[in-house]
Protein backbone atom coordinates (compact mmCIF):
# COMPACT_ATOMS: atom_id res chain seq x y z
CA MET A 1 147.04 106.51 160.44
CA THR A 2 143.43 107.36 159.50
CA SER A 3 141.20 108.45 162.32
CA PRO A 4 137.82 106.74 162.93
CA SER A 5 136.01 109.96 162.06
CA ASN A 6 137.74 110.20 158.66
CA THR A 7 136.96 106.56 157.92
CA SER A 8 133.27 107.06 158.64
CA ASN A 9 133.22 110.13 156.39
CA LEU A 10 134.77 108.16 153.50
CA ASP A 11 132.26 105.36 153.98
CA SER A 12 129.36 107.79 153.91
CA ILE A 13 130.63 109.35 150.65
CA ASN A 14 131.08 105.96 148.98
CA SER A 15 127.63 104.84 150.06
CA VAL A 16 125.82 107.74 148.41
CA SER A 17 123.46 106.28 145.82
CA VAL A 18 122.96 107.82 142.40
CA PRO A 19 119.30 108.52 141.56
CA PRO A 20 117.95 106.14 138.92
CA SER A 21 117.14 109.07 136.61
CA LEU A 22 120.85 110.08 136.64
CA ASP A 23 122.30 106.59 136.24
CA PRO A 24 122.41 105.65 132.51
CA ASP A 25 122.97 101.99 133.31
CA LEU A 26 119.81 101.79 135.41
CA GLU A 27 117.77 103.94 133.04
CA ASN A 28 118.62 101.80 129.98
CA PRO A 29 120.02 98.44 131.09
CA ASP A 30 120.34 97.25 127.50
CA GLY A 31 122.65 100.11 126.57
CA PRO A 32 121.96 103.33 124.64
CA GLU A 33 119.21 103.15 122.03
CA ASP A 34 120.28 103.24 118.39
CA PRO A 35 119.17 106.59 116.88
CA MET A 36 118.40 104.78 113.61
CA ASP A 37 115.61 102.88 115.42
CA GLU A 38 113.83 106.07 116.47
CA VAL A 39 110.57 107.21 114.89
CA PRO A 40 111.19 110.97 114.42
CA ASP A 41 107.67 112.00 113.40
CA GLU A 42 105.67 109.60 115.54
CA VAL A 43 102.16 110.96 116.10
CA GLU A 44 99.43 109.36 118.17
CA MET A 45 96.39 108.85 115.93
CA SER A 46 93.14 107.04 116.50
CA LEU A 47 91.78 104.39 114.18
CA PHE A 48 89.36 106.88 112.66
CA ASP A 49 92.19 109.34 112.05
CA HIS A 50 94.13 106.62 110.20
CA LEU A 51 91.07 105.77 108.11
CA GLU A 52 90.51 109.44 107.31
CA GLU A 53 94.16 109.80 106.26
CA LEU A 54 93.87 106.68 104.09
CA ARG A 55 90.68 107.98 102.49
CA ARG A 56 92.40 111.27 101.66
CA ARG A 57 95.41 109.54 100.09
CA ILE A 58 93.15 107.28 98.01
CA PHE A 59 91.12 110.30 96.88
CA TYR A 60 94.26 112.13 95.72
CA SER A 61 95.44 109.00 93.90
CA LEU A 62 92.12 108.60 92.11
CA ILE A 63 92.28 112.23 90.98
CA ALA A 64 95.77 111.60 89.57
CA VAL A 65 94.55 108.47 87.75
CA GLY A 66 91.60 110.41 86.34
CA LEU A 67 93.87 113.17 85.03
CA GLY A 68 96.20 110.54 83.56
CA VAL A 69 93.29 108.84 81.81
CA ILE A 70 92.15 112.17 80.33
CA VAL A 71 95.64 112.92 79.01
CA CYS A 72 96.00 109.42 77.53
CA PHE A 73 92.50 109.43 76.01
CA SER A 74 93.33 112.60 74.11
CA ASN A 75 96.32 110.74 72.60
CA VAL A 76 94.79 107.27 72.43
CA ASN A 77 95.25 106.84 68.67
CA LEU A 78 98.98 107.45 68.98
CA ILE A 79 99.25 104.97 71.88
CA VAL A 80 97.31 102.36 69.91
CA GLN A 81 99.59 102.80 66.89
CA ILE A 82 102.67 102.33 69.10
CA LEU A 83 101.23 99.14 70.59
CA GLU A 84 100.32 97.79 67.13
CA ARG A 85 103.88 98.07 65.79
CA PRO A 86 105.09 94.64 67.03
CA ALA A 87 102.36 92.98 64.94
CA GLN A 88 103.80 93.93 61.55
CA GLY A 89 101.95 92.47 58.59
CA VAL A 90 98.73 91.89 60.53
CA LYS A 91 95.43 93.60 59.77
CA PHE A 92 93.14 94.38 62.69
CA LEU A 93 89.37 94.17 62.46
CA GLN A 94 86.54 95.63 64.49
CA LEU A 95 84.22 92.64 64.80
CA ALA A 96 81.44 94.34 66.77
CA PRO A 97 79.99 97.85 67.03
CA GLY A 98 81.96 99.94 69.48
CA GLU A 99 84.76 97.37 69.83
CA TYR A 100 87.50 99.88 69.15
CA PHE A 101 85.88 102.34 71.55
CA PHE A 102 86.06 99.83 74.40
CA VAL A 103 89.62 98.97 73.39
CA SER A 104 90.44 102.67 73.64
CA LEU A 105 89.00 102.72 77.17
CA GLN A 106 91.16 99.73 78.16
CA VAL A 107 94.29 101.29 76.70
CA THR A 108 93.66 104.68 78.33
CA GLY A 109 92.84 103.01 81.67
CA TYR A 110 96.13 101.10 81.78
CA SER A 111 98.10 104.05 80.41
CA GLY A 112 96.52 106.51 82.84
CA LEU A 113 97.31 104.21 85.77
CA LEU A 114 100.89 103.91 84.55
CA LEU A 115 101.21 107.67 84.13
CA ALA A 116 99.86 108.33 87.63
CA SER A 117 101.89 105.58 89.33
CA PRO A 118 104.71 107.89 90.58
CA PHE A 119 102.16 110.09 92.32
CA ILE A 120 100.41 107.01 93.75
CA PHE A 121 103.75 105.79 95.13
CA TYR A 122 104.25 109.21 96.68
CA GLN A 123 100.87 109.03 98.42
CA ILE A 124 101.68 105.56 99.75
CA ALA A 125 105.00 106.84 101.08
CA GLN A 126 103.33 109.80 102.79
CA PHE A 127 100.83 107.48 104.45
CA VAL A 128 103.38 105.04 105.91
CA LEU A 129 106.18 107.55 106.58
CA PRO A 130 105.09 108.74 110.08
CA GLY A 131 105.29 105.19 111.45
CA LEU A 132 108.74 104.35 110.07
CA THR A 133 112.06 104.51 111.88
CA ARG A 134 115.05 106.35 110.48
CA ARG A 135 116.54 103.06 109.30
CA GLU A 136 113.34 102.11 107.46
CA ARG A 137 113.08 105.58 105.92
CA ARG A 138 116.52 105.18 104.39
CA LEU A 139 115.15 102.16 102.51
CA LEU A 140 111.94 103.81 101.38
CA GLY A 141 113.39 106.06 98.66
CA PRO A 142 115.63 103.42 97.02
CA ILE A 143 112.83 100.84 97.18
CA PHE A 144 110.30 103.08 95.41
CA LEU A 145 112.88 104.29 92.89
CA SER A 146 114.13 100.79 92.03
CA SER A 147 110.54 99.50 91.84
CA THR A 148 109.59 102.21 89.36
CA VAL A 149 112.72 101.70 87.25
CA LEU A 150 112.37 97.91 87.19
CA PHE A 151 108.70 98.14 86.24
CA GLY A 152 109.64 100.39 83.32
CA VAL A 153 112.44 98.01 82.31
CA GLY A 154 109.93 95.15 82.45
CA LEU A 155 107.57 97.00 80.12
CA LEU A 156 110.43 97.74 77.73
CA PHE A 157 111.60 94.11 77.83
CA ALA A 158 108.09 92.84 77.10
CA TYR A 159 107.56 95.33 74.27
CA SER A 160 110.92 94.79 72.59
CA ALA A 161 111.52 91.06 73.21
CA LEU A 162 108.58 89.04 74.53
CA ILE A 163 105.76 90.45 72.42
CA PRO A 164 107.65 90.35 69.07
CA ALA A 165 108.76 86.76 69.79
CA ALA A 166 105.23 85.65 70.65
CA LEU A 167 103.65 87.42 67.67
CA LYS A 168 106.28 86.08 65.28
CA PHE A 169 105.50 82.56 66.42
CA PHE A 170 101.75 82.98 65.88
CA ILE A 171 102.16 84.78 62.54
CA ASN A 172 104.50 82.13 61.12
CA TYR A 173 102.44 79.22 62.45
CA GLY A 174 99.87 78.56 59.76
CA GLY A 175 100.80 81.66 57.82
CA ASP A 176 100.53 79.77 54.53
CA VAL A 177 97.10 78.44 55.43
CA VAL A 178 95.17 81.34 56.99
CA GLU A 179 95.25 85.07 56.43
CA GLN A 180 96.28 87.10 59.46
CA LEU A 181 93.17 89.11 60.35
CA TRP A 182 93.03 89.67 64.10
CA SER A 183 90.39 91.07 66.42
CA ILE A 184 91.55 94.40 67.81
CA ASP A 185 89.98 93.57 71.18
CA LYS A 186 91.68 90.17 71.55
CA TYR A 187 95.02 91.58 70.47
CA PHE A 188 95.05 94.34 73.06
CA LYS A 189 93.91 92.02 75.85
CA PHE A 190 96.88 89.83 74.94
CA ILE A 191 99.46 92.60 74.73
CA LEU A 192 98.33 94.57 77.81
CA LEU A 193 98.31 91.43 79.96
CA LEU A 194 101.80 90.50 78.82
CA LEU A 195 103.13 94.02 79.39
CA PHE A 196 101.87 94.41 82.94
CA SER A 197 102.56 90.82 84.04
CA THR A 198 106.17 91.25 82.92
CA GLY A 199 106.43 94.56 84.76
CA LEU A 200 105.20 92.87 87.94
CA ALA A 201 107.63 89.95 87.47
CA PHE A 202 110.49 92.47 87.39
CA GLN A 203 109.67 93.45 91.00
CA ILE A 204 111.39 90.30 92.31
CA PRO A 205 114.72 92.03 93.20
CA VAL A 206 112.83 94.76 95.07
CA ILE A 207 111.10 92.15 97.24
CA GLN A 208 114.43 90.41 97.86
CA ILE A 209 116.17 93.64 98.91
CA LEU A 210 113.29 94.51 101.21
CA LEU A 211 113.28 91.09 102.88
CA GLY A 212 117.06 91.08 103.18
CA ASN A 213 117.35 94.51 104.78
CA LEU A 214 114.55 93.73 107.23
CA GLY A 215 116.46 90.62 108.29
CA ILE A 216 113.69 88.22 107.29
CA VAL A 217 115.67 86.25 104.69
CA SER A 218 119.44 86.27 104.14
CA SER A 219 121.27 86.06 100.82
CA ALA A 220 122.58 82.59 101.78
CA THR A 221 119.02 81.35 102.32
CA MET A 222 117.93 82.79 98.97
CA LEU A 223 120.85 81.10 97.23
CA SER A 224 120.17 77.74 98.87
CA GLY A 225 116.73 77.58 97.26
CA TRP A 226 117.95 77.97 93.67
CA ARG A 227 116.40 74.63 92.59
CA TYR A 228 112.95 75.80 93.61
CA VAL A 229 113.58 79.11 91.86
CA LEU A 230 114.28 77.37 88.55
CA LEU A 231 111.06 75.39 88.86
CA GLY A 232 109.10 78.43 89.98
CA ALA A 233 110.45 80.54 87.10
CA ALA A 234 109.28 77.95 84.58
CA VAL A 235 105.82 77.84 86.18
CA LEU A 236 105.69 81.64 86.40
CA GLY A 237 106.66 81.96 82.75
CA ALA A 238 103.85 79.61 81.79
CA ILE A 239 101.28 81.44 83.93
CA LEU A 240 102.17 85.05 83.16
CA THR A 241 102.52 84.69 79.40
CA PRO A 242 99.12 84.54 77.71
CA SER A 243 100.67 82.76 74.73
CA THR A 244 101.54 79.06 74.72
CA ASP A 245 104.73 79.22 72.64
CA PRO A 246 107.83 77.93 74.44
CA LEU A 247 110.04 80.79 73.23
CA THR A 248 108.07 83.50 75.06
CA GLN A 249 107.83 81.40 78.21
CA SER A 250 111.56 80.68 78.10
CA LEU A 251 112.43 84.37 77.67
CA LEU A 252 110.32 85.37 80.66
CA ALA A 253 111.59 82.48 82.79
CA GLY A 254 115.18 83.39 81.93
CA ALA A 255 114.55 87.01 82.86
CA VAL A 256 113.01 85.98 86.21
CA ILE A 257 116.02 83.75 87.02
CA SER A 258 118.47 86.52 86.12
CA LEU A 259 116.56 89.02 88.26
CA TYR A 260 116.48 86.60 91.20
CA PHE A 261 120.23 85.99 91.20
CA GLY A 262 120.85 89.68 90.62
CA GLY A 263 118.73 90.41 93.70
CA ILE A 264 120.84 87.95 95.71
CA ALA A 265 124.00 89.79 94.64
CA VAL A 266 122.56 93.13 95.76
CA VAL A 267 121.42 91.72 99.12
CA LYS A 268 124.88 90.22 99.66
CA ALA A 269 126.46 93.56 98.78
CA PHE A 270 124.46 95.07 101.66
CA GLY A 271 126.04 92.48 103.95
CA LYS A 272 122.81 90.64 104.61
């Protein structure tokens, strides 16, 4: 039989409270925090510090673009010859003084920006990296890599498929009636716009993967809107292609649709 003194001692032991700082349930009632949601390099910065950091990143990017432009300008004739190859059988004319010079500046500007784009992406990553969690950082590398690769694939697709199809249509249309003498300025405005618009259109899977992994849109939601995607691809093909021939628009629209459904497959593979 337990004595009254022993009973009171047991009650006093059981009634001892654990300090809140030592009780994990009271300290974090929602359970332990996921380490992937931590921001490892979080630094308190004022608005002016953020603006100064942004100014520095932009300055470095502009230097990279300037160096890229210088490199491309020293090889501009070779770049122009490469871009003229899809227009076989066409003679180009300089219709105004200095027209080819300004065309060279356009070509070197686009080429220099393209050459410096990996470094620009790196500067963007360095600017946003301190505010990202571990989970978001795991997405950063694949997103930038896939964006760069898809942009390059878009340029290759435009150069090897879209541009030859569009030029073939225009060369054959009225070829027996008019001689094909084209303005060098108008040609390069056409081809550069088609190249870069196609490269941007190939970023669709990257946007889908980003939205899916952030939990904004699921793969099922993306798939349910396939009717709107078909309509949007047709409209996008008509807007992004500077030519009016249906073949070029159909090729770009088909590529956009394929990229969209490919992006859905990747998002679903991630379990989103």
